[in-house]
Amino acid sequence: MLEMKNQKKHLDARSITTMALLIAMMVTLSRLLGIETQFLKISFTFIPEIIMGMLFGSLWTGIGSVIADFIGMALFSKAAFFIGFTINAFLEGAIYGYFFYKKEITWKNSIQSVLTTTILINLILTPLWLAMMYHVPLNSWLIWAPRLIKTVIWIPIQTIITYFLGGVLPYKQWIARFNRAH
């Protein structure tokens, strides 16, 4: 909760423009470049979410992720709208904001953020939403087989990419520039 108090309460023009660009990247990576089936989705949306989390914190990253979800559904819908996935979008953004807001990307917070999103969103909430949405039993292998395979493969890939971002992104300069502008 203390972390949320230290975040910006309002956004200036530069922040809104930056957030809009990151939202556009999230929509593109999720809806156009992502791989999606009825029960599984693979995308690199977490990359702009991490950047947004670094710059704006939990609340604004969660809001930005929800906006990206709404825009993606409005423009490139692949299934019926379901509010559970919008809740997932907010939580995922909030998690990245929590782990990366004004912080260095380390192995520790890379692993923790990936495990948190994987367990909470990919292994708890998403199967619940899919079972509700498609009237499939929660213990169905239609839900769990692809999800468990993805989890085993995706955790190390996402962790390595997240940590790699910390080495290539000039996040310290970005944060300094954003702080200087306010």
C-alpha atoms as a PDB file:
ATOM      1  CA  MET A   1       0.000   0.000   0.000  1.00  0.00           C
ATOM      2  CA  LEU A   2       2.874   2.379   0.781  1.00  0.00           C
ATOM      3  CA  GLU A   3       4.136   1.860  -2.755  1.00  0.00           C
ATOM      4  CA  MET A   4       0.803   3.054  -4.204  1.00  0.00           C
ATOM      5  CA  LYS A   5       0.981   6.270  -2.133  1.00  0.00           C
ATOM      6  CA  ASN A   6       4.370   7.160  -3.635  1.00  0.00           C
ATOM      7  CA  GLN A   7       3.106   6.862  -7.205  1.00  0.00           C
ATOM      8  CA  LYS A   8       1.896   9.779  -9.283  1.00  0.00           C
ATOM      9  CA  LYS A   9      -1.723  10.710  -8.710  1.00  0.00           C
ATOM     10  CA  HIS A  10      -2.069  12.387 -12.108  1.00  0.00           C
ATOM     11  CA  LEU A  11      -0.390  12.110 -15.466  1.00  0.00           C
ATOM     12  CA  ASP A  12       1.068  14.924 -17.557  1.00  0.00           C
ATOM     13  CA  ALA A  13       1.109  15.053 -21.379  1.00  0.00           C
ATOM     14  CA  ARG A  14       4.456  13.229 -21.623  1.00  0.00           C
ATOM     15  CA  SER A  15       3.276  10.460 -19.328  1.00  0.00           C
ATOM     16  CA  ILE A  16      -0.007  10.048 -21.202  1.00  0.00           C
ATOM     17  CA  THR A  17       1.835   9.902 -24.536  1.00  0.00           C
ATOM     18  CA  THR A  18       4.309   7.339 -23.208  1.00  0.00           C
ATOM     19  CA  MET A  19       1.518   5.262 -21.723  1.00  0.00           C
ATOM     20  CA  ALA A  20      -0.441   5.418 -25.005  1.00  0.00           C
ATOM     21  CA  LEU A  21       2.575   4.138 -26.930  1.00  0.00           C
ATOM     22  CA  LEU A  22       3.030   1.267 -24.467  1.00  0.00           C
ATOM     23  CA  ILE A  23      -0.699   0.462 -24.649  1.00  0.00           C
ATOM     24  CA  ALA A  24      -0.449   0.333 -28.451  1.00  0.00           C
ATOM     25  CA  MET A  25       2.517  -2.044 -28.113  1.00  0.00           C
ATOM     26  CA  MET A  26       0.516  -4.220 -25.709  1.00  0.00           C
ATOM     27  CA  VAL A  27      -2.433  -4.425 -28.128  1.00  0.00           C
ATOM     28  CA  THR A  28      -0.112  -5.247 -31.037  1.00  0.00           C
ATOM     29  CA  LEU A  29       1.848  -7.904 -29.146  1.00  0.00           C
ATOM     30  CA  SER A  30      -1.287  -9.471 -27.693  1.00  0.00           C
ATOM     31  CA  ARG A  31      -3.824  -9.323 -30.493  1.00  0.00           C
ATOM     32  CA  LEU A  32      -1.776  -9.262 -33.693  1.00  0.00           C
ATOM     33  CA  LEU A  33       1.453 -11.067 -32.852  1.00  0.00           C
ATOM     34  CA  GLY A  34       0.245 -13.323 -30.039  1.00  0.00           C
ATOM     35  CA  ILE A  35      -0.696 -16.956 -30.502  1.00  0.00           C
ATOM     36  CA  GLU A  36      -4.168 -17.670 -29.203  1.00  0.00           C
ATOM     37  CA  THR A  37      -6.411 -20.708 -29.044  1.00  0.00           C
ATOM     38  CA  GLN A  38      -9.646 -21.197 -27.174  1.00  0.00           C
ATOM     39  CA  PHE A  39      -7.827 -22.341 -24.026  1.00  0.00           C
ATOM     40  CA  LEU A  40      -4.317 -20.870 -24.335  1.00  0.00           C
ATOM     41  CA  LYS A  41      -2.610 -17.599 -25.222  1.00  0.00           C
ATOM     42  CA  ILE A  42       1.090 -16.899 -25.736  1.00  0.00           C
ATOM     43  CA  SER A  43       2.314 -13.337 -26.227  1.00  0.00           C
ATOM     44  CA  PHE A  44       5.089 -10.947 -25.295  1.00  0.00           C
ATOM     45  CA  THR A  45       2.702  -8.364 -23.822  1.00  0.00           C
ATOM     46  CA  PHE A  46       4.637  -8.534 -20.575  1.00  0.00           C
ATOM     47  CA  ILE A  47       7.497  -6.503 -22.123  1.00  0.00           C
ATOM     48  CA  PRO A  48       5.607  -3.185 -22.476  1.00  0.00           C
ATOM     49  CA  GLU A  49       3.825  -3.969 -19.193  1.00  0.00           C
ATOM     50  CA  ILE A  50       7.183  -4.201 -17.418  1.00  0.00           C
ATOM     51  CA  ILE A  51       8.280  -0.891 -18.952  1.00  0.00           C
ATOM     52  CA  MET A  52       4.995   0.702 -17.909  1.00  0.00           C
ATOM     53  CA  GLY A  53       5.408  -0.777 -14.431  1.00  0.00           C
ATOM     54  CA  MET A  54       8.904   0.691 -14.162  1.00  0.00           C
ATOM     55  CA  LEU A  55       7.698   4.168 -15.097  1.00  0.00           C
ATOM     56  CA  PHE A  56       4.194   4.413 -13.635  1.00  0.00           C
ATOM     57  CA  GLY A  57       3.792   1.879 -10.811  1.00  0.00           C
ATOM     58  CA  SER A  58       1.052  -0.584  -9.963  1.00  0.00           C
ATOM     59  CA  LEU A  59      -2.089   1.497 -10.251  1.00  0.00           C
ATOM     60  CA  TRP A  60      -1.371   3.181 -13.594  1.00  0.00           C
ATOM     61  CA  THR A  61       0.090   0.005 -15.102  1.00  0.00           C
ATOM     62  CA  GLY A  62      -3.034  -1.888 -14.068  1.00  0.00           C
ATOM     63  CA  ILE A  63      -5.215   0.831 -15.608  1.00  0.00           C
ATOM     64  CA  GLY A  64      -3.082   0.884 -18.773  1.00  0.00           C
ATOM     65  CA  SER A  65      -3.398  -2.899 -19.073  1.00  0.00           C
ATOM     66  CA  VAL A  66      -7.187  -2.651 -18.760  1.00  0.00           C
ATOM     67  CA  ILE A  67      -7.280   0.045 -21.463  1.00  0.00           C
ATOM     68  CA  ALA A  68      -5.150  -2.198 -23.710  1.00  0.00           C
ATOM     69  CA  ASP A  69      -7.556  -5.082 -23.038  1.00  0.00           C
ATOM     70  CA  PHE A  70     -10.589  -2.961 -23.968  1.00  0.00           C
ATOM     71  CA  ILE A  71      -8.952  -1.603 -27.123  1.00  0.00           C
ATOM     72  CA  GLY A  72      -7.779  -5.073 -28.148  1.00  0.00           C
ATOM     73  CA  MET A  73     -11.260  -6.500 -27.639  1.00  0.00           C
ATOM     74  CA  ALA A  74     -12.893  -3.633 -29.540  1.00  0.00           C
ATOM     75  CA  LEU A  75     -10.541  -3.812 -32.526  1.00  0.00           C
ATOM     76  CA  PHE A  76      -9.395  -7.433 -32.737  1.00  0.00           C
ATOM     77  CA  SER A  77     -11.818  -9.598 -30.801  1.00  0.00           C
ATOM     78  CA  LYS A  78     -11.150 -13.326 -31.097  1.00  0.00           C
ATOM     79  CA  ALA A  79     -13.762 -14.405 -28.545  1.00  0.00           C
ATOM     80  CA  ALA A  80     -16.643 -12.969 -26.561  1.00  0.00           C
ATOM     81  CA  PHE A  81     -15.795 -10.316 -23.967  1.00  0.00           C
ATOM     82  CA  PHE A  82     -15.416 -11.736 -20.455  1.00  0.00           C
ATOM     83  CA  ILE A  83     -14.720  -9.431 -17.496  1.00  0.00           C
ATOM     84  CA  GLY A  84     -12.476 -12.025 -15.821  1.00  0.00           C
ATOM     85  CA  PHE A  85      -9.764 -11.484 -18.417  1.00  0.00           C
ATOM     86  CA  THR A  86      -9.978  -7.726 -17.843  1.00  0.00           C
ATOM     87  CA  ILE A  87      -9.439  -8.390 -14.126  1.00  0.00           C
ATOM     88  CA  ASN A  88      -6.414 -10.501 -15.119  1.00  0.00           C
ATOM     89  CA  ALA A  89      -5.087  -7.590 -17.205  1.00  0.00           C
ATOM     90  CA  PHE A  90      -5.347  -5.192 -14.257  1.00  0.00           C
ATOM     91  CA  LEU A  91      -3.721  -7.631 -11.846  1.00  0.00           C
ATOM     92  CA  GLU A  92      -0.871  -8.452 -14.220  1.00  0.00           C
ATOM     93  CA  GLY A  93      -0.133  -4.761 -14.744  1.00  0.00           C
ATOM     94  CA  ALA A  94      -0.328  -4.122 -11.003  1.00  0.00           C
ATOM     95  CA  ILE A  95       2.065  -7.009 -10.316  1.00  0.00           C
ATOM     96  CA  TYR A  96       4.656  -5.665 -12.756  1.00  0.00           C
ATOM     97  CA  GLY A  97       4.279  -2.200 -11.244  1.00  0.00           C
ATOM     98  CA  TYR A  98       4.818  -3.644  -7.785  1.00  0.00           C
ATOM     99  CA  PHE A  99       7.974  -5.522  -8.727  1.00  0.00           C
ATOM    100  CA  PHE A 100       9.575  -2.950 -11.055  1.00  0.00           C
ATOM    101  CA  TYR A 101       8.412   0.587 -10.158  1.00  0.00           C
ATOM    102  CA  LYS A 102      11.594   2.654  -9.859  1.00  0.00           C
ATOM    103  CA  LYS A 103      13.554  -0.545  -9.183  1.00  0.00           C
ATOM    104  CA  GLU A 104      16.428  -2.284 -10.872  1.00  0.00           C
ATOM    105  CA  ILE A 105      15.487  -5.480 -12.681  1.00  0.00           C
ATOM    106  CA  THR A 106      17.306  -8.296 -10.897  1.00  0.00           C
ATOM    107  CA  TRP A 107      17.144 -12.074 -11.120  1.00  0.00           C
ATOM    108  CA  LYS A 108      15.185 -12.066  -7.864  1.00  0.00           C
ATOM    109  CA  ASN A 109      12.396  -9.711  -8.930  1.00  0.00           C
ATOM    110  CA  SER A 110      12.361 -11.227 -12.442  1.00  0.00           C
ATOM    111  CA  ILE A 111      11.715 -14.682 -11.007  1.00  0.00           C
ATOM    112  CA  GLN A 112       9.257 -13.393  -8.403  1.00  0.00           C
ATOM    113  CA  SER A 113       7.209 -11.412 -10.922  1.00  0.00           C
ATOM    114  CA  VAL A 114       7.034 -14.305 -13.379  1.00  0.00           C
ATOM    115  CA  LEU A 115       6.082 -16.810 -10.675  1.00  0.00           C
ATOM    116  CA  THR A 116       3.461 -14.466  -9.230  1.00  0.00           C
ATOM    117  CA  THR A 117       1.781 -13.821 -12.585  1.00  0.00           C
ATOM    118  CA  THR A 118       2.054 -17.475 -13.581  1.00  0.00           C
ATOM    119  CA  ILE A 119       0.532 -18.823 -10.375  1.00  0.00           C
ATOM    120  CA  LEU A 120      -2.139 -16.168  -9.775  1.00  0.00           C
ATOM    121  CA  ILE A 121      -3.217 -15.438 -13.332  1.00  0.00           C
ATOM    122  CA  ASN A 122      -2.230 -18.389 -15.530  1.00  0.00           C
ATOM    123  CA  LEU A 123      -2.814 -21.235 -13.083  1.00  0.00           C
ATOM    124  CA  ILE A 124      -5.606 -19.932 -10.829  1.00  0.00           C
ATOM    125  CA  LEU A 125      -7.722 -17.195 -12.407  1.00  0.00           C
ATOM    126  CA  THR A 126      -7.539 -18.015 -16.129  1.00  0.00           C
ATOM    127  CA  PRO A 127      -8.595 -21.685 -15.694  1.00  0.00           C
ATOM    128  CA  LEU A 128     -11.466 -20.476 -13.516  1.00  0.00           C
ATOM    129  CA  TRP A 129     -12.570 -17.937 -16.164  1.00  0.00           C
ATOM    130  CA  LEU A 130     -12.248 -20.519 -18.960  1.00  0.00           C
ATOM    131  CA  ALA A 131     -14.312 -23.056 -17.033  1.00  0.00           C
ATOM    132  CA  MET A 132     -17.006 -20.424 -16.418  1.00  0.00           C
ATOM    133  CA  MET A 133     -16.939 -19.049 -19.948  1.00  0.00           C
ATOM    134  CA  TYR A 134     -16.980 -22.342 -21.862  1.00  0.00           C
ATOM    135  CA  HIS A 135     -18.897 -24.450 -19.313  1.00  0.00           C
ATOM    136  CA  VAL A 136     -16.030 -26.904 -19.038  1.00  0.00           C
ATOM    137  CA  PRO A 137     -15.267 -28.624 -15.727  1.00  0.00           C
ATOM    138  CA  LEU A 138     -12.391 -26.933 -13.917  1.00  0.00           C
ATOM    139  CA  ASN A 139     -10.516 -30.241 -13.763  1.00  0.00           C
ATOM    140  CA  SER A 140     -10.780 -30.786 -17.543  1.00  0.00           C
ATOM    141  CA  TRP A 141      -7.606 -31.635 -19.456  1.00  0.00           C
ATOM    142  CA  LEU A 142      -8.818 -29.255 -22.171  1.00  0.00           C
ATOM    143  CA  ILE A 143      -7.867 -26.473 -19.782  1.00  0.00           C
ATOM    144  CA  TRP A 144      -4.893 -28.009 -17.990  1.00  0.00           C
ATOM    145  CA  ALA A 145      -2.831 -29.945 -20.573  1.00  0.00           C
ATOM    146  CA  PRO A 146      -1.820 -26.980 -22.752  1.00  0.00           C
ATOM    147  CA  ARG A 147      -1.570 -24.671 -19.725  1.00  0.00           C
ATOM    148  CA  LEU A 148       0.852 -26.916 -17.828  1.00  0.00           C
ATOM    149  CA  ILE A 149       3.026 -27.475 -20.906  1.00  0.00           C
ATOM    150  CA  LYS A 150       3.120 -23.730 -21.543  1.00  0.00           C
ATOM    151  CA  THR A 151       3.991 -23.053 -17.892  1.00  0.00           C
ATOM    152  CA  VAL A 152       6.984 -25.412 -17.889  1.00  0.00           C
ATOM    153  CA  ILE A 153       8.356 -23.917 -21.108  1.00  0.00           C
ATOM    154  CA  TRP A 154       7.340 -20.276 -20.594  1.00  0.00           C
ATOM    155  CA  ILE A 155       8.579 -19.607 -17.017  1.00  0.00           C
ATOM    156  CA  PRO A 156      12.295 -19.789 -17.910  1.00  0.00           C
ATOM    157  CA  ILE A 157      11.787 -17.938 -21.218  1.00  0.00           C
ATOM    158  CA  GLN A 158       9.836 -15.095 -19.612  1.00  0.00           C
ATOM    159  CA  THR A 159      12.242 -14.885 -16.653  1.00  0.00           C
ATOM    160  CA  ILE A 160      15.294 -14.635 -18.922  1.00  0.00           C
ATOM    161  CA  ILE A 161      13.643 -12.026 -21.166  1.00  0.00           C
ATOM    162  CA  THR A 162      12.570 -10.012 -18.113  1.00  0.00           C
ATOM    163  CA  TYR A 163      16.065 -10.064 -16.647  1.00  0.00           C
ATOM    164  CA  PHE A 164      17.570  -9.253 -20.058  1.00  0.00           C
ATOM    165  CA  LEU A 165      15.324  -6.169 -20.267  1.00  0.00           C
ATOM    166  CA  GLY A 166      16.983  -4.901 -17.104  1.00  0.00           C
ATOM    167  CA  GLY A 167      20.340  -4.975 -18.836  1.00  0.00           C
ATOM    168  CA  VAL A 168      19.330  -3.318 -22.095  1.00  0.00           C
ATOM    169  CA  LEU A 169      16.736  -0.754 -21.074  1.00  0.00           C
ATOM    170  CA  PRO A 170      18.027   2.621 -19.897  1.00  0.00           C
ATOM    171  CA  TYR A 171      15.441   2.589 -17.119  1.00  0.00           C
ATOM    172  CA  LYS A 172      17.525   4.740 -14.754  1.00  0.00           C
ATOM    173  CA  GLN A 173      17.629   7.535 -17.347  1.00  0.00           C
ATOM    174  CA  TRP A 174      13.901   7.116 -18.045  1.00  0.00           C
ATOM    175  CA  ILE A 175      13.018   7.330 -14.369  1.00  0.00           C
ATOM    176  CA  ALA A 176      15.295  10.345 -13.886  1.00  0.00           C
ATOM    177  CA  ARG A 177      13.720  12.047 -16.917  1.00  0.00           C
ATOM    178  CA  PHE A 178      10.186  11.326 -15.700  1.00  0.00           C
ATOM    179  CA  ASN A 179      11.016  12.596 -12.191  1.00  0.00           C
ATOM    180  CA  ARG A 180      12.671  15.721 -13.563  1.00  0.00           C
ATOM    181  CA  ALA A 181       9.605  16.549 -15.628  1.00  0.00           C
ATOM    182  CA  HIS A 182       7.412  16.677 -12.503  1.00  0.00           C
END
